[in-house]
């Protein structure tokens, strides 16, 4: 009888330990993986907004010259989550902006002297609204890697190739091809213990973002050879928009104050920097500017 008693205790302890060790999210399971990504990328609480902020540099590649730093930059994305109908997944509803800065003074640039052409050109910030995504359960699994020391990286490598909104024949000084080609590479770093903590709807995360693209349309590089490389690092802000650097907040409030908040409605199509440039130019043509 005594032996049976201790056997039952051992069994109960074993069951308890198994339950405690079973992770809240199994990242190899499609639904768990998506919920974990949402918890990292924004929040499981659909009433909350989340901001990722990053800083970095833009490098220019010219096949005939050494690499050079063209700009510093600051950027952020402000997001909220929405549940899809029938609990079938999530919608990420966001807008994002980026400013180009002088690499020496770190001041936000309004104009820039192109070192290739000598022309003084207008600098057009990134104002992308919306930048939305749909995450249906079982549609895909976000790639991940366990790095050790309790750290996990969720990542997205996104090669891009699609018809450019800026046709070369219509915008000869702004576009060298009718096809936009580039890549955006995202790495999100989190503590696995935070991710598996069921008391948390959102977790702290660090980000690395790399972008490879053609020269920007407003640089007026025409058919000149070369590319741009963006490299940045950043993190999710604890208090959202309020935690942004004051210079960046002042710029947003003076130009597009709606960027204090994430959109409330999921809309399509998404905005890109190439589309935004075209929108600005077309609007100016209509008004005779």
Protein backbone atom coordinates (compact mmCIF):
# COMPACT_ATOMS: atom_id res chain seq x y z
CA UNK A 1 0.00 0.00 0.00
CA UNK A 2 2.81 2.36 0.94
CA UNK A 3 4.59 1.54 -2.31
CA UNK A 4 1.44 2.28 -4.32
CA UNK A 5 1.01 5.60 -2.52
CA UNK A 6 4.49 6.78 -3.46
CA UNK A 7 3.98 5.53 -7.01
CA UNK A 8 0.85 7.67 -7.32
CA UNK A 9 2.74 10.70 -5.96
CA UNK A 10 5.55 10.16 -8.46
CA UNK A 11 3.02 9.86 -11.29
CA UNK A 12 1.27 13.07 -10.23
CA UNK A 13 4.57 14.96 -10.05
CA UNK A 14 5.54 13.63 -13.47
CA UNK A 15 2.25 14.79 -15.01
CA UNK A 16 2.63 18.20 -13.38
CA UNK A 17 6.17 18.59 -14.63
CA UNK A 18 5.12 17.59 -18.15
CA UNK A 19 2.35 20.18 -18.11
CA UNK A 20 4.72 22.84 -16.89
CA UNK A 21 7.31 22.01 -19.55
CA UNK A 22 4.85 21.96 -22.46
CA UNK A 23 5.36 25.31 -24.24
CA UNK A 24 2.53 27.77 -24.72
CA UNK A 25 3.59 28.09 -28.34
CA UNK A 26 5.08 25.32 -30.43
CA UNK A 27 6.70 27.32 -33.22
CA UNK A 28 6.54 24.33 -35.55
CA UNK A 29 2.74 24.29 -35.26
CA UNK A 30 1.17 26.65 -37.84
CA UNK A 31 -1.45 28.21 -35.51
CA UNK A 32 0.94 28.54 -32.55
CA UNK A 33 3.57 30.01 -34.84
CA UNK A 34 1.18 32.67 -36.13
CA UNK A 35 -0.07 33.62 -32.66
CA UNK A 36 3.53 33.85 -31.45
CA UNK A 37 4.42 36.10 -34.38
CA UNK A 38 1.46 38.37 -33.61
CA UNK A 39 2.49 38.56 -29.95
CA UNK A 40 5.97 39.64 -31.04
CA UNK A 41 5.02 41.87 -33.99
CA UNK A 42 2.25 43.77 -32.20
CA UNK A 43 -0.10 42.48 -29.46
CA UNK A 44 -2.71 39.80 -28.91
CA UNK A 45 -4.80 42.60 -27.39
CA UNK A 46 -6.53 44.16 -30.43
CA UNK A 47 -7.14 47.43 -28.54
CA UNK A 48 -3.39 48.12 -28.28
CA UNK A 49 -1.08 49.86 -30.75
CA UNK A 50 2.56 48.87 -31.18
CA UNK A 51 5.50 50.79 -32.63
CA UNK A 52 8.75 49.42 -34.02
CA UNK A 53 11.45 52.08 -34.35
CA UNK A 54 14.78 51.75 -36.16
CA UNK A 55 17.79 53.82 -37.19
CA UNK A 56 20.40 53.12 -39.80
CA UNK A 57 22.36 54.19 -42.85
CA UNK A 58 21.86 54.11 -46.61
CA UNK A 59 24.88 52.98 -48.62
CA UNK A 60 25.32 53.49 -52.36
CA UNK A 61 26.85 50.88 -54.62
CA UNK A 62 28.44 52.22 -57.81
CA UNK A 63 30.23 49.58 -59.91
CA UNK A 64 32.95 52.11 -60.77
CA UNK A 65 33.47 53.63 -57.30
CA UNK A 66 33.85 52.52 -53.66
CA UNK A 67 30.75 52.14 -51.49
CA UNK A 68 29.68 55.40 -49.86
CA UNK A 69 27.30 56.46 -47.09
CA UNK A 70 24.60 58.72 -48.55
CA UNK A 71 22.19 59.16 -45.64
CA UNK A 72 21.36 58.36 -42.07
CA UNK A 73 17.71 57.47 -41.58
CA UNK A 74 15.07 57.00 -38.90
CA UNK A 75 11.85 55.09 -39.34
CA UNK A 76 8.94 53.58 -37.50
CA UNK A 77 5.91 51.41 -38.14
CA UNK A 78 2.76 51.80 -36.02
CA UNK A 79 0.42 48.82 -35.95
CA UNK A 80 -2.63 47.19 -34.46
CA UNK A 81 -4.00 43.67 -34.86
CA UNK A 82 -7.49 42.60 -35.88
CA UNK A 83 -9.00 39.12 -35.58
CA UNK A 84 -10.23 37.60 -38.82
CA UNK A 85 -13.79 36.30 -39.10
CA UNK A 86 -14.42 32.95 -37.45
CA UNK A 87 -11.14 33.11 -35.54
CA UNK A 88 -9.40 32.12 -38.79
CA UNK A 89 -6.32 34.27 -38.32
CA UNK A 90 -5.14 37.86 -37.94
CA UNK A 91 -4.92 41.09 -39.85
CA UNK A 92 -2.01 43.45 -39.31
CA UNK A 93 -3.08 47.06 -39.90
CA UNK A 94 -0.22 49.56 -40.10
CA UNK A 95 1.29 52.70 -41.55
CA UNK A 96 4.98 53.60 -41.60
CA UNK A 97 7.30 56.50 -42.29
CA UNK A 98 11.00 57.14 -42.81
CA UNK A 99 13.11 60.30 -42.95
CA UNK A 100 16.49 60.74 -44.61
CA UNK A 101 19.11 62.60 -42.60
CA UNK A 102 22.44 64.27 -43.22
CA UNK A 103 25.15 61.72 -42.33
CA UNK A 104 27.26 64.43 -40.67
CA UNK A 105 24.75 66.68 -38.88
CA UNK A 106 21.93 64.11 -38.52
CA UNK A 107 19.41 66.80 -39.51
CA UNK A 108 16.34 65.75 -41.49
CA UNK A 109 16.98 66.58 -45.14
CA UNK A 110 14.62 68.66 -47.28
CA UNK A 111 17.00 68.84 -50.25
CA UNK A 112 20.11 66.94 -51.27
CA UNK A 113 22.89 67.62 -53.76
CA UNK A 114 23.29 64.55 -55.94
CA UNK A 115 27.06 63.81 -56.07
CA UNK A 116 26.72 62.02 -59.42
CA UNK A 117 24.76 64.70 -61.30
CA UNK A 118 25.45 67.82 -59.21
CA UNK A 119 21.72 68.59 -59.15
CA UNK A 120 20.01 69.80 -55.97
CA UNK A 121 16.94 67.58 -55.57
CA UNK A 122 13.96 67.52 -53.23
CA UNK A 123 14.09 64.76 -50.62
CA UNK A 124 10.76 62.96 -50.29
CA UNK A 125 10.26 61.05 -47.02
CA UNK A 126 8.58 57.66 -46.91
CA UNK A 127 4.90 57.97 -46.04
CA UNK A 128 3.43 54.50 -46.58
CA UNK A 129 -0.25 54.21 -45.64
CA UNK A 130 -1.43 51.52 -45.52
CA UNK A 131 1.05 48.67 -45.08
CA UNK A 132 -1.31 45.82 -44.22
CA UNK A 133 -0.98 42.04 -44.08
CA UNK A 134 -3.27 39.06 -43.60
CA UNK A 135 -2.14 36.08 -41.52
CA UNK A 136 -4.59 33.24 -42.06
CA UNK A 137 -4.03 30.23 -39.86
CA UNK A 138 -2.27 27.33 -41.61
CA UNK A 139 -1.33 29.52 -44.60
CA UNK A 140 2.36 29.56 -43.75
CA UNK A 141 4.85 29.28 -40.89
CA UNK A 142 7.09 32.22 -40.06
CA UNK A 143 10.70 31.00 -40.21
CA UNK A 144 12.45 30.92 -36.85
CA UNK A 145 15.72 29.94 -35.28
CA UNK A 146 16.53 29.24 -31.66
CA UNK A 147 19.81 31.04 -31.01
CA UNK A 148 20.66 29.73 -27.54
CA UNK A 149 20.74 31.59 -24.22
CA UNK A 150 16.94 31.71 -24.31
CA UNK A 151 16.82 33.85 -27.49
CA UNK A 152 14.69 33.20 -30.57
CA UNK A 153 14.78 34.89 -33.96
CA UNK A 154 11.65 35.08 -36.13
CA UNK A 155 12.58 36.26 -39.60
CA UNK A 156 11.26 37.11 -43.06
CA UNK A 157 13.46 37.32 -46.17
CA UNK A 158 11.40 38.98 -48.90
CA UNK A 159 12.86 39.16 -52.42
CA UNK A 160 10.82 41.53 -54.60
CA UNK A 161 10.25 41.72 -58.34
CA UNK A 162 7.11 43.29 -59.83
CA UNK A 163 6.04 45.87 -62.43
CA UNK A 164 7.24 49.31 -61.39
CA UNK A 165 4.59 52.00 -60.93
CA UNK A 166 7.12 54.37 -62.54
CA UNK A 167 7.35 53.47 -66.21
CA UNK A 168 10.70 54.37 -67.70
CA UNK A 169 9.15 56.10 -70.71
CA UNK A 170 7.03 58.35 -68.49
CA UNK A 171 9.63 58.96 -65.75
CA UNK A 172 13.02 58.76 -67.51
CA UNK A 173 14.93 60.66 -64.81
CA UNK A 174 13.31 58.71 -61.94
CA UNK A 175 13.24 55.12 -63.17
CA UNK A 176 15.69 52.97 -65.12
CA UNK A 177 13.43 49.93 -65.53
CA UNK A 178 9.79 48.96 -65.84
CA UNK A 179 10.40 46.29 -63.19
CA UNK A 180 11.06 47.05 -59.53
CA UNK A 181 13.60 44.64 -58.08
CA UNK A 182 14.85 44.62 -54.52
CA UNK A 183 14.72 42.77 -51.23
CA UNK A 184 13.71 43.42 -47.63
CA UNK A 185 15.15 41.25 -44.87
CA UNK A 186 13.61 41.27 -41.38
CA UNK A 187 15.02 39.70 -38.20
CA UNK A 188 13.07 39.92 -34.92
CA UNK A 189 14.86 38.87 -31.72
CA UNK A 190 12.93 37.94 -28.56
CA UNK A 191 13.34 36.13 -25.24
CA UNK A 192 11.65 32.76 -25.43
CA UNK A 193 10.60 32.99 -21.78
CA UNK A 194 8.64 36.16 -22.57
CA UNK A 195 7.06 34.54 -25.59
CA UNK A 196 5.92 31.52 -23.54
CA UNK A 197 4.58 33.69 -20.69
CA UNK A 198 0.79 33.43 -20.94
CA UNK A 199 0.40 36.57 -18.81
CA UNK A 200 1.87 38.71 -21.59
CA UNK A 201 -0.08 39.82 -24.68
CA UNK A 202 2.96 41.53 -26.17
CA UNK A 203 6.70 40.96 -25.81
CA UNK A 204 9.78 43.13 -26.12
CA UNK A 205 11.59 42.60 -29.40
CA UNK A 206 14.67 43.88 -31.21
CA UNK A 207 14.74 44.20 -34.98
CA UNK A 208 17.27 44.23 -37.78
CA UNK A 209 16.03 45.47 -41.19
CA UNK A 210 18.00 45.37 -44.43
CA UNK A 211 16.77 46.69 -47.76
CA UNK A 212 18.32 46.40 -51.21
CA UNK A 213 16.81 48.57 -53.95
CA UNK A 214 17.31 50.70 -57.02
CA UNK A 215 18.23 54.33 -56.56
CA UNK A 216 15.30 56.30 -55.15
CA UNK A 217 13.09 58.06 -57.73
CA UNK A 218 13.66 61.52 -56.23
CA UNK A 219 17.44 61.10 -56.59
CA UNK A 220 16.96 61.52 -60.38
CA UNK A 221 19.60 58.97 -61.29
CA UNK A 222 17.98 57.97 -64.58
CA UNK A 223 19.75 54.97 -66.11
CA UNK A 224 22.98 55.35 -64.09
CA UNK A 225 24.19 51.99 -62.72
CA UNK A 226 24.19 51.12 -59.03
CA UNK A 227 21.95 50.30 -56.09
CA UNK A 228 21.15 51.27 -52.51
CA UNK A 229 21.64 49.21 -49.37
CA UNK A 230 19.76 50.10 -46.18
CA UNK A 231 20.96 48.63 -42.89
CA UNK A 232 19.21 49.35 -39.59
CA UNK A 233 18.60 48.13 -36.09
CA UNK A 234 15.80 48.95 -33.66
CA UNK A 235 13.22 47.70 -31.17
CA UNK A 236 9.58 47.73 -30.09
CA UNK A 237 8.85 50.86 -28.07
CA UNK A 238 7.35 50.35 -24.61
CA UNK A 239 5.09 53.42 -24.84
CA UNK A 240 4.56 53.51 -28.58
CA UNK A 241 4.59 56.87 -30.38
CA UNK A 242 5.39 58.75 -27.16
CA UNK A 243 8.80 57.03 -26.95
CA UNK A 244 9.99 58.21 -30.37
CA UNK A 245 12.83 60.78 -30.49
CA UNK A 246 11.46 64.31 -30.16
CA UNK A 247 12.83 65.46 -33.53
CA UNK A 248 10.98 62.68 -35.31
CA UNK A 249 7.75 63.27 -33.39
CA UNK A 250 7.85 66.98 -34.19
CA UNK A 251 8.35 66.21 -37.89
CA UNK A 252 5.37 63.84 -37.93
CA UNK A 253 3.08 66.19 -36.04
CA UNK A 254 3.98 69.05 -38.38
CA UNK A 255 3.47 67.06 -41.58
CA UNK A 256 1.17 64.07 -41.10
CA UNK A 257 -0.24 63.96 -37.55
CA UNK A 258 -2.38 60.92 -38.39
CA UNK A 259 0.83 58.90 -38.16
CA UNK A 260 0.56 59.14 -34.37
CA UNK A 261 -1.90 56.27 -34.66
CA UNK A 262 -2.32 53.01 -36.50
CA UNK A 263 -5.17 52.82 -39.04
CA UNK A 264 -8.43 51.43 -37.72
CA UNK A 265 -9.68 49.92 -40.99
CA UNK A 266 -7.99 47.25 -43.11
CA UNK A 267 -7.71 48.57 -46.67
CA UNK A 268 -5.96 47.69 -49.93
CA UNK A 269 -3.75 48.18 -51.89
CA UNK A 270 -0.64 48.86 -49.84
CA UNK A 271 1.42 51.99 -50.39
CA UNK A 272 5.13 51.85 -51.31
CA UNK A 273 7.76 54.57 -51.63
CA UNK A 274 7.69 54.23 -55.43
CA UNK A 275 3.87 54.54 -55.49
CA UNK A 276 4.00 57.49 -53.10
CA UNK A 277 6.51 59.33 -55.32
CA UNK A 278 4.22 58.80 -58.31
CA UNK A 279 1.23 60.02 -56.31
CA UNK A 280 3.05 63.22 -55.33
CA UNK A 281 4.27 63.89 -58.88
CA UNK A 282 0.87 63.20 -60.44
CA UNK A 283 -0.85 65.52 -57.95
CA UNK A 284 1.64 68.28 -58.74
CA UNK A 285 1.06 67.87 -62.47
CA UNK A 286 -2.69 68.26 -61.97
CA UNK A 287 -2.20 71.51 -60.06
CA UNK A 288 0.43 72.83 -62.47
CA UNK A 289 3.30 72.76 -59.98
